[in-house]
Amino acid sequence: MTSGAHAGDLEAAAEEAATAFEESPAVQAGPAETPVAGELDVTIETAADEAAEVAEEAGEATEQ
């Protein structure tokens, strides 16, 4: 496995984690039933976005 493929795996995992979170019962219940869900949603989406960026940068670094 090349480093580029590994970075692709990391990016796919980050996207999968974000999707799993969005489909979770707490998020589906909405903020009325889970008041911190909105804050948690932003935190997890930010973390997933940052993980995807790191994976992308790692892939670019290995291509150079």
PDB file of N, CA and C in Angstrom:
ATOM      1  N   MET A   1       0.852  -1.177   0.000  1.00  0.00           N
ATOM      2  CA  MET A   1       0.000   0.000   0.000  1.00  0.00           C
ATOM      3  C   MET A   1       0.893   1.233   0.000  1.00  0.00           C
ATOM      4  N   THR A   2       0.548   2.166  -0.873  1.00  0.00           N
ATOM      5  CA  THR A   2       1.337   3.388  -0.934  1.00  0.00           C
ATOM      6  C   THR A   2       0.822   4.399   0.072  1.00  0.00           C
ATOM      7  N   SER A   3       1.642   5.397   0.337  1.00  0.00           N
ATOM      8  CA  SER A   3       1.221   6.439   1.275  1.00  0.00           C
ATOM      9  C   SER A   3       0.013   7.193   0.751  1.00  0.00           C
ATOM     10  N   GLY A   4      -0.059   7.395  -0.571  1.00  0.00           N
ATOM     11  CA  GLY A   4      -1.207   8.067  -1.166  1.00  0.00           C
ATOM     12  C   GLY A   4      -2.485   7.287  -0.922  1.00  0.00           C
ATOM     13  N   ALA A   5      -2.400   5.974  -1.037  1.00  0.00           N
ATOM     14  CA  ALA A   5      -3.569   5.136  -0.783  1.00  0.00           C
ATOM     15  C   ALA A   5      -3.964   5.229   0.683  1.00  0.00           C
ATOM     16  N   HIS A   6      -2.961   5.288   1.561  1.00  0.00           N
ATOM     17  CA  HIS A   6      -3.237   5.415   2.996  1.00  0.00           C
ATOM     18  C   HIS A   6      -3.968   6.729   3.279  1.00  0.00           C
ATOM     19  N   ALA A   7      -3.541   7.808   2.652  1.00  0.00           N
ATOM     20  CA  ALA A   7      -4.202   9.105   2.838  1.00  0.00           C
ATOM     21  C   ALA A   7      -5.637   9.034   2.336  1.00  0.00           C
ATOM     22  N   GLY A   8      -5.845   8.329   1.236  1.00  0.00           N
ATOM     23  CA  GLY A   8      -7.200   8.140   0.721  1.00  0.00           C
ATOM     24  C   GLY A   8      -8.058   7.376   1.701  1.00  0.00           C
ATOM     25  N   ASP A   9      -7.459   6.379   2.351  1.00  0.00           N
ATOM     26  CA  ASP A   9      -8.182   5.607   3.368  1.00  0.00           C
ATOM     27  C   ASP A   9      -8.578   6.508   4.529  1.00  0.00           C
ATOM     28  N   LEU A  10      -7.679   7.396   4.941  1.00  0.00           N
ATOM     29  CA  LEU A  10      -7.971   8.313   6.042  1.00  0.00           C
ATOM     30  C   LEU A  10      -9.106   9.265   5.676  1.00  0.00           C
ATOM     31  N   GLU A  11      -9.068   9.755   4.444  1.00  0.00           N
ATOM     32  CA  GLU A  11     -10.114  10.669   4.000  1.00  0.00           C
ATOM     33  C   GLU A  11     -11.462   9.950   3.945  1.00  0.00           C
ATOM     34  N   ALA A  12     -11.470   8.719   3.448  1.00  0.00           N
ATOM     35  CA  ALA A  12     -12.707   7.938   3.394  1.00  0.00           C
ATOM     36  C   ALA A  12     -13.231   7.653   4.798  1.00  0.00           C
ATOM     37  N   ALA A  13     -12.333   7.367   5.721  1.00  0.00           N
ATOM     38  CA  ALA A  13     -12.738   7.109   7.107  1.00  0.00           C
ATOM     39  C   ALA A  13     -13.336   8.360   7.748  1.00  0.00           C
ATOM     40  N   ALA A  14     -12.753   9.516   7.459  1.00  0.00           N
ATOM     41  CA  ALA A  14     -13.280  10.772   8.000  1.00  0.00           C
ATOM     42  C   ALA A  14     -14.682  11.044   7.461  1.00  0.00           C
ATOM     43  N   GLU A  15     -14.878  10.795   6.168  1.00  0.00           N
ATOM     44  CA  GLU A  15     -16.203  10.990   5.580  1.00  0.00           C
ATOM     45  C   GLU A  15     -17.206  10.002   6.161  1.00  0.00           C
ATOM     46  N   GLU A  16     -16.758   8.760   6.367  1.00  0.00           N
ATOM     47  CA  GLU A  16     -17.636   7.736   6.946  1.00  0.00           C
ATOM     48  C   GLU A  16     -18.037   8.111   8.377  1.00  0.00           C
ATOM     49  N   ALA A  17     -17.099   8.652   9.141  1.00  0.00           N
ATOM     50  CA  ALA A  17     -17.398   9.063  10.517  1.00  0.00           C
ATOM     51  C   ALA A  17     -18.398  10.216  10.529  1.00  0.00           C
ATOM     52  N   ALA A  18     -18.232  11.167   9.625  1.00  0.00           N
ATOM     53  CA  ALA A  18     -19.163  12.299   9.552  1.00  0.00           C
ATOM     54  C   ALA A  18     -20.561  11.824   9.173  1.00  0.00           C
ATOM     55  N   THR A  19     -20.642  10.890   8.229  1.00  0.00           N
ATOM     56  CA  THR A  19     -21.939  10.344   7.822  1.00  0.00           C
ATOM     57  C   THR A  19     -22.589   9.590   8.963  1.00  0.00           C
ATOM     58  N   ALA A  20     -21.816   8.772   9.660  1.00  0.00           N
ATOM     59  CA  ALA A  20     -22.361   8.009  10.792  1.00  0.00           C
ATOM     60  C   ALA A  20     -22.890   8.942  11.863  1.00  0.00           C
ATOM     61  N   PHE A  21     -22.172  10.017  12.104  1.00  0.00           N
ATOM     62  CA  PHE A  21     -22.631  10.985  13.104  1.00  0.00           C
ATOM     63  C   PHE A  21     -23.944  11.631  12.666  1.00  0.00           C
ATOM     64  N   GLU A  22     -23.998  12.056  11.407  1.00  0.00           N
ATOM     65  CA  GLU A  22     -25.202  12.721  10.907  1.00  0.00           C
ATOM     66  C   GLU A  22     -26.417  11.800  10.966  1.00  0.00           C
ATOM     67  N   GLU A  23     -26.189  10.488  10.834  1.00  0.00           N
ATOM     68  CA  GLU A  23     -27.285   9.526  10.856  1.00  0.00           C
ATOM     69  C   GLU A  23     -27.584   9.000  12.259  1.00  0.00           C
ATOM     70  N   SER A  24     -26.833   9.453  13.265  1.00  0.00           N
ATOM     71  CA  SER A  24     -27.015   8.959  14.625  1.00  0.00           C
ATOM     72  C   SER A  24     -28.362   9.400  15.205  1.00  0.00           C
ATOM     73  N   PRO A  25     -28.915   8.607  16.105  1.00  0.00           N
ATOM     74  CA  PRO A  25     -30.214   8.946  16.711  1.00  0.00           C
ATOM     75  C   PRO A  25     -30.230  10.307  17.403  1.00  0.00           C
ATOM     76  N   ALA A  26     -29.152  10.689  18.050  1.00  0.00           N
ATOM     77  CA  ALA A  26     -29.111  11.974  18.749  1.00  0.00           C
ATOM     78  C   ALA A  26     -29.259  13.138  17.773  1.00  0.00           C
ATOM     79  N   VAL A  27     -28.609  13.033  16.642  1.00  0.00           N
ATOM     80  CA  VAL A  27     -28.702  14.104  15.652  1.00  0.00           C
ATOM     81  C   VAL A  27     -30.077  14.081  14.991  1.00  0.00           C
ATOM     82  N   GLN A  28     -30.572  12.890  14.694  1.00  0.00           N
ATOM     83  CA  GLN A  28     -31.890  12.767  14.081  1.00  0.00           C
ATOM     84  C   GLN A  28     -32.992  13.284  15.002  1.00  0.00           C
ATOM     85  N   ALA A  29     -32.819  13.158  16.327  1.00  0.00           N
ATOM     86  CA  ALA A  29     -33.812  13.635  17.284  1.00  0.00           C
ATOM     87  C   ALA A  29     -33.937  15.153  17.221  1.00  0.00           C
ATOM     88  N   GLY A  30     -32.861  15.809  16.887  1.00  0.00           N
ATOM     89  CA  GLY A  30     -32.889  17.260  16.762  1.00  0.00           C
ATOM     90  C   GLY A  30     -32.620  17.964  18.076  1.00  0.00           C
ATOM     91  N   PRO A  31     -32.404  19.262  18.005  1.00  0.00           N
ATOM     92  CA  PRO A  31     -32.029  20.033  19.191  1.00  0.00           C
ATOM     93  C   PRO A  31     -33.108  20.112  20.266  1.00  0.00           C
ATOM     94  N   ALA A  32     -34.372  19.938  19.918  1.00  0.00           N
ATOM     95  CA  ALA A  32     -35.428  20.023  20.931  1.00  0.00           C
ATOM     96  C   ALA A  32     -35.286  18.920  21.982  1.00  0.00           C
ATOM     97  N   GLU A  33     -34.865  17.734  21.535  1.00  0.00           N
ATOM     98  CA  GLU A  33     -34.722  16.624  22.474  1.00  0.00           C
ATOM     99  C   GLU A  33     -33.303  16.498  23.006  1.00  0.00           C
ATOM    100  N   THR A  34     -32.352  17.017  22.290  1.00  0.00           N
ATOM    101  CA  THR A  34     -30.955  16.950  22.700  1.00  0.00           C
ATOM    102  C   THR A  34     -30.343  18.344  22.543  1.00  0.00           C
ATOM    103  N   PRO A  35     -30.430  19.187  23.584  1.00  0.00           N
ATOM    104  CA  PRO A  35     -30.007  20.582  23.462  1.00  0.00           C
ATOM    105  C   PRO A  35     -28.556  20.799  23.041  1.00  0.00           C
ATOM    106  N   VAL A  36     -27.672  19.875  23.356  1.00  0.00           N
ATOM    107  CA  VAL A  36     -26.271  20.079  22.984  1.00  0.00           C
ATOM    108  C   VAL A  36     -25.950  19.494  21.618  1.00  0.00           C
ATOM    109  N   ALA A  37     -26.923  18.873  20.973  1.00  0.00           N
ATOM    110  CA  ALA A  37     -26.667  18.238  19.679  1.00  0.00           C
ATOM    111  C   ALA A  37     -26.132  19.238  18.650  1.00  0.00           C
ATOM    112  N   GLY A  38     -26.679  20.445  18.644  1.00  0.00           N
ATOM    113  CA  GLY A  38     -26.205  21.449  17.693  1.00  0.00           C
ATOM    114  C   GLY A  38     -24.744  21.787  17.898  1.00  0.00           C
ATOM    115  N   GLU A  39     -24.355  21.982  19.148  1.00  0.00           N
ATOM    116  CA  GLU A  39     -22.959  22.275  19.449  1.00  0.00           C
ATOM    117  C   GLU A  39     -22.078  21.073  19.120  1.00  0.00           C
ATOM    118  N   LEU A  40     -22.542  19.890  19.464  1.00  0.00           N
ATOM    119  CA  LEU A  40     -21.781  18.677  19.193  1.00  0.00           C
ATOM    120  C   LEU A  40     -21.654  18.447  17.691  1.00  0.00           C
ATOM    121  N   ASP A  41     -22.718  18.731  16.962  1.00  0.00           N
ATOM    122  CA  ASP A  41     -22.720  18.588  15.514  1.00  0.00           C
ATOM    123  C   ASP A  41     -21.626  19.456  14.904  1.00  0.00           C
ATOM    124  N   VAL A  42     -21.542  20.712  15.325  1.00  0.00           N
ATOM    125  CA  VAL A  42     -20.529  21.621  14.802  1.00  0.00           C
ATOM    126  C   VAL A  42     -19.136  21.117  15.162  1.00  0.00           C
ATOM    127  N   THR A  43     -18.964  20.669  16.401  1.00  0.00           N
ATOM    128  CA  THR A  43     -17.656  20.179  16.845  1.00  0.00           C
ATOM    129  C   THR A  43     -17.220  18.965  16.036  1.00  0.00           C
ATOM    130  N   ILE A  44     -18.115  18.001  15.848  1.00  0.00           N
ATOM    131  CA  ILE A  44     -17.752  16.778  15.129  1.00  0.00           C
ATOM    132  C   ILE A  44     -17.559  17.059  13.652  1.00  0.00           C
ATOM    133  N   GLU A  45     -18.401  17.901  13.069  1.00  0.00           N
ATOM    134  CA  GLU A  45     -18.213  18.246  11.658  1.00  0.00           C
ATOM    135  C   GLU A  45     -16.888  18.962  11.453  1.00  0.00           C
ATOM    136  N   THR A  46     -16.537  19.852  12.380  1.00  0.00           N
ATOM    137  CA  THR A  46     -15.261  20.556  12.284  1.00  0.00           C
ATOM    138  C   THR A  46     -14.107  19.557  12.375  1.00  0.00           C
ATOM    139  N   ALA A  47     -14.200  18.630  13.310  1.00  0.00           N
ATOM    140  CA  ALA A  47     -13.145  17.618  13.464  1.00  0.00           C
ATOM    141  C   ALA A  47     -13.060  16.746  12.218  1.00  0.00           C
ATOM    142  N   ALA A  48     -14.201  16.357  11.665  1.00  0.00           N
ATOM    143  CA  ALA A  48     -14.206  15.525  10.453  1.00  0.00           C
ATOM    144  C   ALA A  48     -13.611  16.299   9.278  1.00  0.00           C
ATOM    145  N   ASP A  49     -13.959  17.574   9.158  1.00  0.00           N
ATOM    146  CA  ASP A  49     -13.401  18.406   8.089  1.00  0.00           C
ATOM    147  C   ASP A  49     -11.889  18.533   8.236  1.00  0.00           C
ATOM    148  N   GLU A  50     -11.439  18.756   9.469  1.00  0.00           N
ATOM    149  CA  GLU A  50     -10.006  18.884   9.707  1.00  0.00           C
ATOM    150  C   GLU A  50      -9.281  17.575   9.418  1.00  0.00           C
ATOM    151  N   ALA A  51      -9.898  16.446   9.786  1.00  0.00           N
ATOM    152  CA  ALA A  51      -9.289  15.141   9.501  1.00  0.00           C
ATOM    153  C   ALA A  51      -9.191  14.920   7.996  1.00  0.00           C
ATOM    154  N   ALA A  52     -10.222  15.304   7.266  1.00  0.00           N
ATOM    155  CA  ALA A  52     -10.204  15.157   5.810  1.00  0.00           C
ATOM    156  C   ALA A  52      -9.117  16.046   5.196  1.00  0.00           C
ATOM    157  N   GLU A  53      -8.961  17.272   5.723  1.00  0.00           N
ATOM    158  CA  GLU A  53      -7.922  18.169   5.227  1.00  0.00           C
ATOM    159  C   GLU A  53      -6.534  17.595   5.483  1.00  0.00           C
ATOM    160  N   VAL A  54      -6.322  17.048   6.667  1.00  0.00           N
ATOM    161  CA  VAL A  54      -5.023  16.456   7.002  1.00  0.00           C
ATOM    162  C   VAL A  54      -4.749  15.273   6.081  1.00  0.00           C
ATOM    163  N   ALA A  55      -5.761  14.452   5.838  1.00  0.00           N
ATOM    164  CA  ALA A  55      -5.584  13.308   4.948  1.00  0.00           C
ATOM    165  C   ALA A  55      -5.255  13.768   3.537  1.00  0.00           C
ATOM    166  N   GLU A  56      -5.935  14.822   3.092  1.00  0.00           N
ATOM    167  CA  GLU A  56      -5.680  15.352   1.757  1.00  0.00           C
ATOM    168  C   GLU A  56      -4.264  15.918   1.661  1.00  0.00           C
ATOM    169  N   GLU A  57      -3.856  16.668   2.686  1.00  0.00           N
ATOM    170  CA  GLU A  57      -2.506  17.236   2.696  1.00  0.00           C
ATOM    171  C   GLU A  57      -1.452  16.129   2.739  1.00  0.00           C
ATOM    172  N   ALA A  58      -1.730  15.062   3.483  1.00  0.00           N
ATOM    173  CA  ALA A  58      -0.787  13.940   3.547  1.00  0.00           C
ATOM    174  C   ALA A  58      -0.671  13.286   2.177  1.00  0.00           C
ATOM    175  N   GLY A  59      -1.790  13.166   1.495  1.00  0.00           N
ATOM    176  CA  GLY A  59      -1.769  12.593   0.146  1.00  0.00           C
ATOM    177  C   GLY A  59      -0.983  13.456  -0.813  1.00  0.00           C
ATOM    178  N   GLU A  60      -1.175  14.786  -0.724  1.00  0.00           N
ATOM    179  CA  GLU A  60      -0.439  15.695  -1.583  1.00  0.00           C
ATOM    180  C   GLU A  60       1.055  15.651  -1.279  1.00  0.00           C
ATOM    181  N   ALA A  61       1.405  15.544  -0.015  1.00  0.00           N
ATOM    182  CA  ALA A  61       2.810  15.516   0.382  1.00  0.00           C
ATOM    183  C   ALA A  61       3.495  14.260  -0.148  1.00  0.00           C
ATOM    184  N   THR A  62       2.758  13.144  -0.162  1.00  0.00           N
ATOM    185  CA  THR A  62       3.366  11.904  -0.631  1.00  0.00           C
ATOM    186  C   THR A  62       3.474  11.862  -2.146  1.00  0.00           C
ATOM    187  N   GLU A  63       2.647  12.670  -2.837  1.00  0.00           N
ATOM    188  CA  GLU A  63       2.710  12.724  -4.296  1.00  0.00           C
ATOM    189  C   GLU A  63       3.899  13.536  -4.780  1.00  0.00           C
ATOM    190  N   GLN A  64       4.386  14.443  -3.939  1.00  0.00           N
ATOM    191  CA  GLN A  64       5.475  15.329  -4.360  1.00  0.00           C
ATOM    192  C   GLN A  64       6.804  14.659  -4.315  1.00  0.00           C
TER     193      GLN A  64
END
